[in-house]
Amino acid sequence: MPDYSNPNTKLTARRYAWDATFQRGPARHGRVVTQLVTDGTYDTQPGATVGSLLASLASWYAQTNGIPQADVKVLSYSLREK
């Protein structure tokens, strides 16, 4: 089984299902705003790695929510081959 915790792991399936918890912006007043997104899918691009998938997820989340990509972190995630 591939090591999806390693950002350098190459993605070999054509499509992946993912769940992720995103952090929106820096902590304010000791609180961190997070959101769990479930049931996402990712169509693998040539040469894709776990790291490039996570960057794509952060970019997608930022665009979807109208916030700067620099303010988004993927705190946790799971991947499954489809």
PDB file of N, CA and C in Angstrom:
ATOM      1  N   MET A   1       0.851  -1.182   0.000  1.00  0.00           N
ATOM      2  CA  MET A   1       0.000   0.000   0.000  1.00  0.00           C
ATOM      3  C   MET A   1       0.890   1.237   0.000  1.00  0.00           C
ATOM      4  N   PRO A   2       0.572   2.229  -0.821  1.00  0.00           N
ATOM      5  CA  PRO A   2       1.384   3.450  -0.880  1.00  0.00           C
ATOM      6  C   PRO A   2       1.350   4.227   0.436  1.00  0.00           C
ATOM      7  N   ASP A   3       2.422   4.950   0.690  1.00  0.00           N
ATOM      8  CA  ASP A   3       2.532   5.778   1.896  1.00  0.00           C
ATOM      9  C   ASP A   3       1.996   7.171   1.584  1.00  0.00           C
ATOM     10  N   TYR A   4       0.693   7.375   1.811  1.00  0.00           N
ATOM     11  CA  TYR A   4       0.077   8.653   1.489  1.00  0.00           C
ATOM     12  C   TYR A   4       0.441   9.758   2.477  1.00  0.00           C
ATOM     13  N   SER A   5       1.186   9.430   3.524  1.00  0.00           N
ATOM     14  CA  SER A   5       1.641  10.476   4.444  1.00  0.00           C
ATOM     15  C   SER A   5       2.908  11.156   3.921  1.00  0.00           C
ATOM     16  N   ASN A   6       3.536  10.569   2.920  1.00  0.00           N
ATOM     17  CA  ASN A   6       4.764  11.112   2.327  1.00  0.00           C
ATOM     18  C   ASN A   6       4.394  11.988   1.132  1.00  0.00           C
ATOM     19  N   PRO A   7       4.717  13.290   1.171  1.00  0.00           N
ATOM     20  CA  PRO A   7       4.342  14.176   0.063  1.00  0.00           C
ATOM     21  C   PRO A   7       5.012  13.822  -1.267  1.00  0.00           C
ATOM     22  N   ASN A   8       6.079  13.029  -1.218  1.00  0.00           N
ATOM     23  CA  ASN A   8       6.771  12.650  -2.451  1.00  0.00           C
ATOM     24  C   ASN A   8       6.229  11.373  -3.082  1.00  0.00           C
ATOM     25  N   THR A   9       5.262  10.724  -2.444  1.00  0.00           N
ATOM     26  CA  THR A   9       4.688   9.496  -2.988  1.00  0.00           C
ATOM     27  C   THR A   9       3.955   9.802  -4.290  1.00  0.00           C
ATOM     28  N   LYS A  10       4.309   9.077  -5.326  1.00  0.00           N
ATOM     29  CA  LYS A  10       3.654   9.255  -6.623  1.00  0.00           C
ATOM     30  C   LYS A  10       2.251   8.636  -6.577  1.00  0.00           C
ATOM     31  N   LEU A  11       1.319   9.313  -7.215  1.00  0.00           N
ATOM     32  CA  LEU A  11      -0.051   8.823  -7.303  1.00  0.00           C
ATOM     33  C   LEU A  11      -0.201   8.021  -8.586  1.00  0.00           C
ATOM     34  N   THR A  12      -0.574   6.767  -8.453  1.00  0.00           N
ATOM     35  CA  THR A  12      -0.592   5.877  -9.612  1.00  0.00           C
ATOM     36  C   THR A  12      -1.999   5.528 -10.092  1.00  0.00           C
ATOM     37  N   ALA A  13      -3.020   5.735  -9.273  1.00  0.00           N
ATOM     38  CA  ALA A  13      -4.388   5.456  -9.704  1.00  0.00           C
ATOM     39  C   ALA A  13      -4.885   6.613 -10.580  1.00  0.00           C
ATOM     40  N   ARG A  14      -5.894   6.356 -11.380  1.00  0.00           N
ATOM     41  CA  ARG A  14      -6.446   7.410 -12.244  1.00  0.00           C
ATOM     42  C   ARG A  14      -7.256   8.426 -11.453  1.00  0.00           C
ATOM     43  N   ARG A  15      -7.861   7.982 -10.348  1.00  0.00           N
ATOM     44  CA  ARG A  15      -8.727   8.862  -9.561  1.00  0.00           C
ATOM     45  C   ARG A  15      -8.643   8.463  -8.095  1.00  0.00           C
ATOM     46  N   TYR A  16      -8.760   9.481  -7.244  1.00  0.00           N
ATOM     47  CA  TYR A  16      -8.737   9.276  -5.798  1.00  0.00           C
ATOM     48  C   TYR A  16      -9.942   9.944  -5.162  1.00  0.00           C
ATOM     49  N   ALA A  17     -10.442   9.323  -4.115  1.00  0.00           N
ATOM     50  CA  ALA A  17     -11.441   9.949  -3.251  1.00  0.00           C
ATOM     51  C   ALA A  17     -10.661  10.530  -2.078  1.00  0.00           C
ATOM     52  N   TRP A  18     -11.100  11.684  -1.584  1.00  0.00           N
ATOM     53  CA  TRP A  18     -10.390  12.304  -0.469  1.00  0.00           C
ATOM     54  C   TRP A  18     -11.361  12.930   0.523  1.00  0.00           C
ATOM     55  N   ASP A  19     -10.890  13.012   1.749  1.00  0.00           N
ATOM     56  CA  ASP A  19     -11.518  13.770   2.822  1.00  0.00           C
ATOM     57  C   ASP A  19     -10.404  14.640   3.387  1.00  0.00           C
ATOM     58  N   ALA A  20     -10.704  15.862   3.759  1.00  0.00           N
ATOM     59  CA  ALA A  20      -9.664  16.742   4.298  1.00  0.00           C
ATOM     60  C   ALA A  20     -10.252  17.727   5.291  1.00  0.00           C
ATOM     61  N   THR A  21      -9.428  18.098   6.254  1.00  0.00           N
ATOM     62  CA  THR A  21      -9.771  19.176   7.175  1.00  0.00           C
ATOM     63  C   THR A  21      -8.876  20.352   6.836  1.00  0.00           C
ATOM     64  N   PHE A  22      -9.504  21.491   6.554  1.00  0.00           N
ATOM     65  CA  PHE A  22      -8.785  22.697   6.152  1.00  0.00           C
ATOM     66  C   PHE A  22      -8.788  23.707   7.293  1.00  0.00           C
ATOM     67  N   GLN A  23      -7.689  24.435   7.425  1.00  0.00           N
ATOM     68  CA  GLN A  23      -7.619  25.576   8.338  1.00  0.00           C
ATOM     69  C   GLN A  23      -7.752  26.834   7.513  1.00  0.00           C
ATOM     70  N   ARG A  24      -8.647  27.724   7.962  1.00  0.00           N
ATOM     71  CA  ARG A  24      -8.889  28.990   7.262  1.00  0.00           C
ATOM     72  C   ARG A  24      -8.209  30.104   8.029  1.00  0.00           C
ATOM     73  N   GLY A  25      -7.097  30.576   7.525  1.00  0.00           N
ATOM     74  CA  GLY A  25      -6.414  31.720   8.121  1.00  0.00           C
ATOM     75  C   GLY A  25      -5.681  31.380   9.407  1.00  0.00           C
ATOM     76  N   PRO A  26      -4.982  32.369   9.936  1.00  0.00           N
ATOM     77  CA  PRO A  26      -4.229  32.158  11.173  1.00  0.00           C
ATOM     78  C   PRO A  26      -5.160  32.108  12.386  1.00  0.00           C
ATOM     79  N   ALA A  27      -4.649  31.567  13.477  1.00  0.00           N
ATOM     80  CA  ALA A  27      -5.430  31.527  14.719  1.00  0.00           C
ATOM     81  C   ALA A  27      -5.718  32.959  15.174  1.00  0.00           C
ATOM     82  N   ARG A  28      -6.927  33.173  15.636  1.00  0.00           N
ATOM     83  CA  ARG A  28      -7.323  34.495  16.142  1.00  0.00           C
ATOM     84  C   ARG A  28      -7.914  34.317  17.525  1.00  0.00           C
ATOM     85  N   HIS A  29      -7.384  35.073  18.457  1.00  0.00           N
ATOM     86  CA  HIS A  29      -7.869  35.001  19.834  1.00  0.00           C
ATOM     87  C   HIS A  29      -7.788  33.573  20.363  1.00  0.00           C
ATOM     88  N   GLY A  30      -6.726  32.857  19.950  1.00  0.00           N
ATOM     89  CA  GLY A  30      -6.526  31.484  20.413  1.00  0.00           C
ATOM     90  C   GLY A  30      -7.410  30.449  19.742  1.00  0.00           C
ATOM     91  N   ARG A  31      -8.165  30.843  18.726  1.00  0.00           N
ATOM     92  CA  ARG A  31      -9.064  29.918  18.032  1.00  0.00           C
ATOM     93  C   ARG A  31      -8.625  29.731  16.593  1.00  0.00           C
ATOM     94  N   VAL A  32      -8.740  28.511  16.127  1.00  0.00           N
ATOM     95  CA  VAL A  32      -8.440  28.176  14.741  1.00  0.00           C
ATOM     96  C   VAL A  32      -9.750  27.777  14.065  1.00  0.00           C
ATOM     97  N   VAL A  33     -10.028  28.353  12.913  1.00  0.00           N
ATOM     98  CA  VAL A  33     -11.242  28.017  12.172  1.00  0.00           C
ATOM     99  C   VAL A  33     -10.898  26.877  11.216  1.00  0.00           C
ATOM    100  N   THR A  34     -11.618  25.766  11.353  1.00  0.00           N
ATOM    101  CA  THR A  34     -11.388  24.613  10.488  1.00  0.00           C
ATOM    102  C   THR A  34     -12.700  24.181   9.851  1.00  0.00           C
ATOM    103  N   GLN A  35     -12.565  23.423   8.760  1.00  0.00           N
ATOM    104  CA  GLN A  35     -13.735  22.861   8.096  1.00  0.00           C
ATOM    105  C   GLN A  35     -13.364  21.514   7.534  1.00  0.00           C
ATOM    106  N   LEU A  36     -14.191  20.513   7.800  1.00  0.00           N
ATOM    107  CA  LEU A  36     -14.018  19.182   7.244  1.00  0.00           C
ATOM    108  C   LEU A  36     -14.794  19.107   5.932  1.00  0.00           C
ATOM    109  N   VAL A  37     -14.125  18.669   4.882  1.00  0.00           N
ATOM    110  CA  VAL A  37     -14.776  18.462   3.583  1.00  0.00           C
ATOM    111  C   VAL A  37     -14.646  16.984   3.266  1.00  0.00           C
ATOM    112  N   THR A  38     -15.772  16.343   2.980  1.00  0.00           N
ATOM    113  CA  THR A  38     -15.754  14.908   2.690  1.00  0.00           C
ATOM    114  C   THR A  38     -16.236  14.642   1.273  1.00  0.00           C
ATOM    115  N   ASP A  39     -15.893  13.485   0.797  1.00  0.00           N
ATOM    116  CA  ASP A  39     -16.366  12.992  -0.499  1.00  0.00           C
ATOM    117  C   ASP A  39     -15.850  13.783  -1.697  1.00  0.00           C
ATOM    118  N   GLY A  40     -14.641  14.305  -1.619  1.00  0.00           N
ATOM    119  CA  GLY A  40     -14.046  14.950  -2.777  1.00  0.00           C
ATOM    120  C   GLY A  40     -13.418  13.918  -3.694  1.00  0.00           C
ATOM    121  N   THR A  41     -13.216  14.288  -4.955  1.00  0.00           N
ATOM    122  CA  THR A  41     -12.512  13.407  -5.892  1.00  0.00           C
ATOM    123  C   THR A  41     -11.408  14.190  -6.582  1.00  0.00           C
ATOM    124  N   TYR A  42     -10.370  13.469  -6.965  1.00  0.00           N
ATOM    125  CA  TYR A  42      -9.219  14.066  -7.634  1.00  0.00           C
ATOM    126  C   TYR A  42      -8.856  13.180  -8.810  1.00  0.00           C
ATOM    127  N   ASP A  43      -8.848  13.749 -10.015  1.00  0.00           N
ATOM    128  CA  ASP A  43      -8.389  13.041 -11.206  1.00  0.00           C
ATOM    129  C   ASP A  43      -6.894  13.263 -11.321  1.00  0.00           C
ATOM    130  N   THR A  44      -6.146  12.194 -11.268  1.00  0.00           N
ATOM    131  CA  THR A  44      -4.693  12.273 -11.218  1.00  0.00           C
ATOM    132  C   THR A  44      -4.107  12.847 -12.505  1.00  0.00           C
ATOM    133  N   GLN A  45      -3.205  13.801 -12.346  1.00  0.00           N
ATOM    134  CA  GLN A  45      -2.478  14.402 -13.455  1.00  0.00           C
ATOM    135  C   GLN A  45      -1.144  13.681 -13.627  1.00  0.00           C
ATOM    136  N   PRO A  46      -0.548  13.673 -14.820  1.00  0.00           N
ATOM    137  CA  PRO A  46       0.750  13.021 -15.003  1.00  0.00           C
ATOM    138  C   PRO A  46       1.792  13.581 -14.030  1.00  0.00           C
ATOM    139  N   GLY A  47       2.524  12.680 -13.385  1.00  0.00           N
ATOM    140  CA  GLY A  47       3.585  13.077 -12.464  1.00  0.00           C
ATOM    141  C   GLY A  47       3.092  13.529 -11.102  1.00  0.00           C
ATOM    142  N   ALA A  48       1.795  13.374 -10.817  1.00  0.00           N
ATOM    143  CA  ALA A  48       1.229  13.854  -9.554  1.00  0.00           C
ATOM    144  C   ALA A  48       1.801  13.093  -8.360  1.00  0.00           C
ATOM    145  N   THR A  49       1.954  13.823  -7.271  1.00  0.00           N
ATOM    146  CA  THR A  49       2.388  13.259  -5.996  1.00  0.00           C
ATOM    147  C   THR A  49       1.369  13.659  -4.929  1.00  0.00           C
ATOM    148  N   VAL A  50       1.516  13.093  -3.757  1.00  0.00           N
ATOM    149  CA  VAL A  50       0.644  13.490  -2.648  1.00  0.00           C
ATOM    150  C   VAL A  50       0.783  14.992  -2.401  1.00  0.00           C
ATOM    151  N   GLY A  51       2.011  15.501  -2.469  1.00  0.00           N
ATOM    152  CA  GLY A  51       2.237  16.927  -2.250  1.00  0.00           C
ATOM    153  C   GLY A  51       1.530  17.800  -3.267  1.00  0.00           C
ATOM    154  N   SER A  52       1.553  17.408  -4.535  1.00  0.00           N
ATOM    155  CA  SER A  52       0.868  18.219  -5.554  1.00  0.00           C
ATOM    156  C   SER A  52      -0.647  18.118  -5.395  1.00  0.00           C
ATOM    157  N   LEU A  53      -1.150  16.963  -4.973  1.00  0.00           N
ATOM    158  CA  LEU A  53      -2.578  16.835  -4.703  1.00  0.00           C
ATOM    159  C   LEU A  53      -2.977  17.760  -3.554  1.00  0.00           C
ATOM    160  N   LEU A  54      -2.197  17.796  -2.473  1.00  0.00           N
ATOM    161  CA  LEU A  54      -2.514  18.669  -1.335  1.00  0.00           C
ATOM    162  C   LEU A  54      -2.479  20.141  -1.746  1.00  0.00           C
ATOM    163  N   ALA A  55      -1.530  20.518  -2.589  1.00  0.00           N
ATOM    164  CA  ALA A  55      -1.480  21.901  -3.083  1.00  0.00           C
ATOM    165  C   ALA A  55      -2.723  22.217  -3.912  1.00  0.00           C
ATOM    166  N   SER A  56      -3.162  21.257  -4.714  1.00  0.00           N
ATOM    167  CA  SER A  56      -4.389  21.446  -5.511  1.00  0.00           C
ATOM    168  C   SER A  56      -5.610  21.593  -4.614  1.00  0.00           C
ATOM    169  N   LEU A  57      -5.668  20.799  -3.547  1.00  0.00           N
ATOM    170  CA  LEU A  57      -6.793  20.899  -2.625  1.00  0.00           C
ATOM    171  C   LEU A  57      -6.824  22.255  -1.938  1.00  0.00           C
ATOM    172  N   ALA A  58      -5.662  22.736  -1.502  1.00  0.00           N
ATOM    173  CA  ALA A  58      -5.599  24.049  -0.841  1.00  0.00           C
ATOM    174  C   ALA A  58      -6.023  25.151  -1.813  1.00  0.00           C
ATOM    175  N   SER A  59      -5.581  25.061  -3.058  1.00  0.00           N
ATOM    176  CA  SER A  59      -5.947  26.041  -4.068  1.00  0.00           C
ATOM    177  C   SER A  59      -7.454  26.003  -4.327  1.00  0.00           C
ATOM    178  N   TRP A  60      -8.004  24.811  -4.485  1.00  0.00           N
ATOM    179  CA  TRP A  60      -9.439  24.654  -4.711  1.00  0.00           C
ATOM    180  C   TRP A  60     -10.228  25.246  -3.549  1.00  0.00           C
ATOM    181  N   TYR A  61      -9.825  24.932  -2.318  1.00  0.00           N
ATOM    182  CA  TYR A  61     -10.541  25.417  -1.151  1.00  0.00           C
ATOM    183  C   TYR A  61     -10.498  26.942  -1.070  1.00  0.00           C
ATOM    184  N   ALA A  62      -9.344  27.516  -1.338  1.00  0.00           N
ATOM    185  CA  ALA A  62      -9.210  28.976  -1.307  1.00  0.00           C
ATOM    186  C   ALA A  62     -10.118  29.633  -2.345  1.00  0.00           C
ATOM    187  N   GLN A  63     -10.099  29.119  -3.569  1.00  0.00           N
ATOM    188  CA  GLN A  63     -10.939  29.680  -4.628  1.00  0.00           C
ATOM    189  C   GLN A  63     -12.417  29.519  -4.318  1.00  0.00           C
ATOM    190  N   THR A  64     -12.796  28.352  -3.827  1.00  0.00           N
ATOM    191  CA  THR A  64     -14.196  28.080  -3.506  1.00  0.00           C
ATOM    192  C   THR A  64     -14.723  29.015  -2.423  1.00  0.00           C
ATOM    193  N   ASN A  65     -13.859  29.380  -1.479  1.00  0.00           N
ATOM    194  CA  ASN A  65     -14.278  30.186  -0.346  1.00  0.00           C
ATOM    195  C   ASN A  65     -13.862  31.653  -0.441  1.00  0.00           C
ATOM    196  N   GLY A  66     -13.241  32.024  -1.565  1.00  0.00           N
ATOM    197  CA  GLY A  66     -12.869  33.418  -1.784  1.00  0.00           C
ATOM    198  C   GLY A  66     -11.863  33.964  -0.789  1.00  0.00           C
ATOM    199  N   ILE A  67     -10.909  33.128  -0.414  1.00  0.00           N
ATOM    200  CA  ILE A  67      -9.866  33.557   0.523  1.00  0.00           C
ATOM    201  C   ILE A  67      -8.503  33.328  -0.117  1.00  0.00           C
ATOM    202  N   PRO A  68      -7.477  34.055   0.328  1.00  0.00           N
ATOM    203  CA  PRO A  68      -6.143  33.861  -0.252  1.00  0.00           C
ATOM    204  C   PRO A  68      -5.614  32.448   0.022  1.00  0.00           C
ATOM    205  N   GLN A  69      -4.964  31.869  -0.972  1.00  0.00           N
ATOM    206  CA  GLN A  69      -4.419  30.524  -0.812  1.00  0.00           C
ATOM    207  C   GLN A  69      -3.407  30.469   0.332  1.00  0.00           C
ATOM    208  N   ALA A  70      -2.699  31.569   0.568  1.00  0.00           N
ATOM    209  CA  ALA A  70      -1.720  31.602   1.657  1.00  0.00           C
ATOM    210  C   ALA A  70      -2.377  31.432   3.023  1.00  0.00           C
ATOM    211  N   ASP A  71      -3.694  31.659   3.110  1.00  0.00           N
ATOM    212  CA  ASP A  71      -4.422  31.537   4.374  1.00  0.00           C
ATOM    213  C   ASP A  71      -5.032  30.151   4.586  1.00  0.00           C
ATOM    214  N   VAL A  72      -4.734  29.204   3.705  1.00  0.00           N
ATOM    215  CA  VAL A  72      -5.325  27.867   3.787  1.00  0.00           C
ATOM    216  C   VAL A  72      -4.236  26.833   4.071  1.00  0.00           C
ATOM    217  N   LYS A  73      -4.525  25.945   5.027  1.00  0.00           N
ATOM    218  CA  LYS A  73      -3.652  24.800   5.315  1.00  0.00           C
ATOM    219  C   LYS A  73      -4.508  23.551   5.304  1.00  0.00           C
ATOM    220  N   VAL A  74      -3.944  22.458   4.805  1.00  0.00           N
ATOM    221  CA  VAL A  74      -4.590  21.159   4.916  1.00  0.00           C
ATOM    222  C   VAL A  74      -4.061  20.549   6.214  1.00  0.00           C
ATOM    223  N   LEU A  75      -4.917  20.444   7.219  1.00  0.00           N
ATOM    224  CA  LEU A  75      -4.491  19.943   8.525  1.00  0.00           C
ATOM    225  C   LEU A  75      -4.421  18.426   8.569  1.00  0.00           C
ATOM    226  N   SER A  76      -5.373  17.766   7.951  1.00  0.00           N
ATOM    227  CA  SER A  76      -5.384  16.310   7.897  1.00  0.00           C
ATOM    228  C   SER A  76      -6.136  15.877   6.641  1.00  0.00           C
ATOM    229  N   TYR A  77      -5.871  14.674   6.200  1.00  0.00           N
ATOM    230  CA  TYR A  77      -6.514  14.182   4.983  1.00  0.00           C
ATOM    231  C   TYR A  77      -6.453  12.661   4.936  1.00  0.00           C
ATOM    232  N   SER A  78      -7.308  12.095   4.105  1.00  0.00           N
ATOM    233  CA  SER A  78      -7.227  10.682   3.791  1.00  0.00           C
ATOM    234  C   SER A  78      -7.471  10.528   2.296  1.00  0.00           C
ATOM    235  N   LEU A  79      -6.806   9.551   1.705  1.00  0.00           N
ATOM    236  CA  LEU A  79      -6.937   9.277   0.272  1.00  0.00           C
ATOM    237  C   LEU A  79      -7.321   7.820   0.081  1.00  0.00           C
ATOM    238  N   ARG A  80      -8.152   7.575  -0.931  1.00  0.00           N
ATOM    239  CA  ARG A  80      -8.525   6.229  -1.297  1.00  0.00           C
ATOM    240  C   ARG A  80      -8.554   6.145  -2.817  1.00  0.00           C
ATOM    241  N   GLU A  81      -7.986   5.074  -3.358  1.00  0.00           N
ATOM    242  CA  GLU A  81      -8.044   4.875  -4.801  1.00  0.00           C
ATOM    243  C   GLU A  81      -9.483   4.553  -5.185  1.00  0.00           C
ATOM    244  N   LYS A  82      -9.908   5.127  -6.314  1.00  0.00           N
ATOM    245  CA  LYS A  82     -11.276   4.857  -6.815  1.00  0.00           C
ATOM    246  C   LYS A  82     -11.206   3.903  -7.985  1.00  0.00           C
TER     247      LYS A  82
END
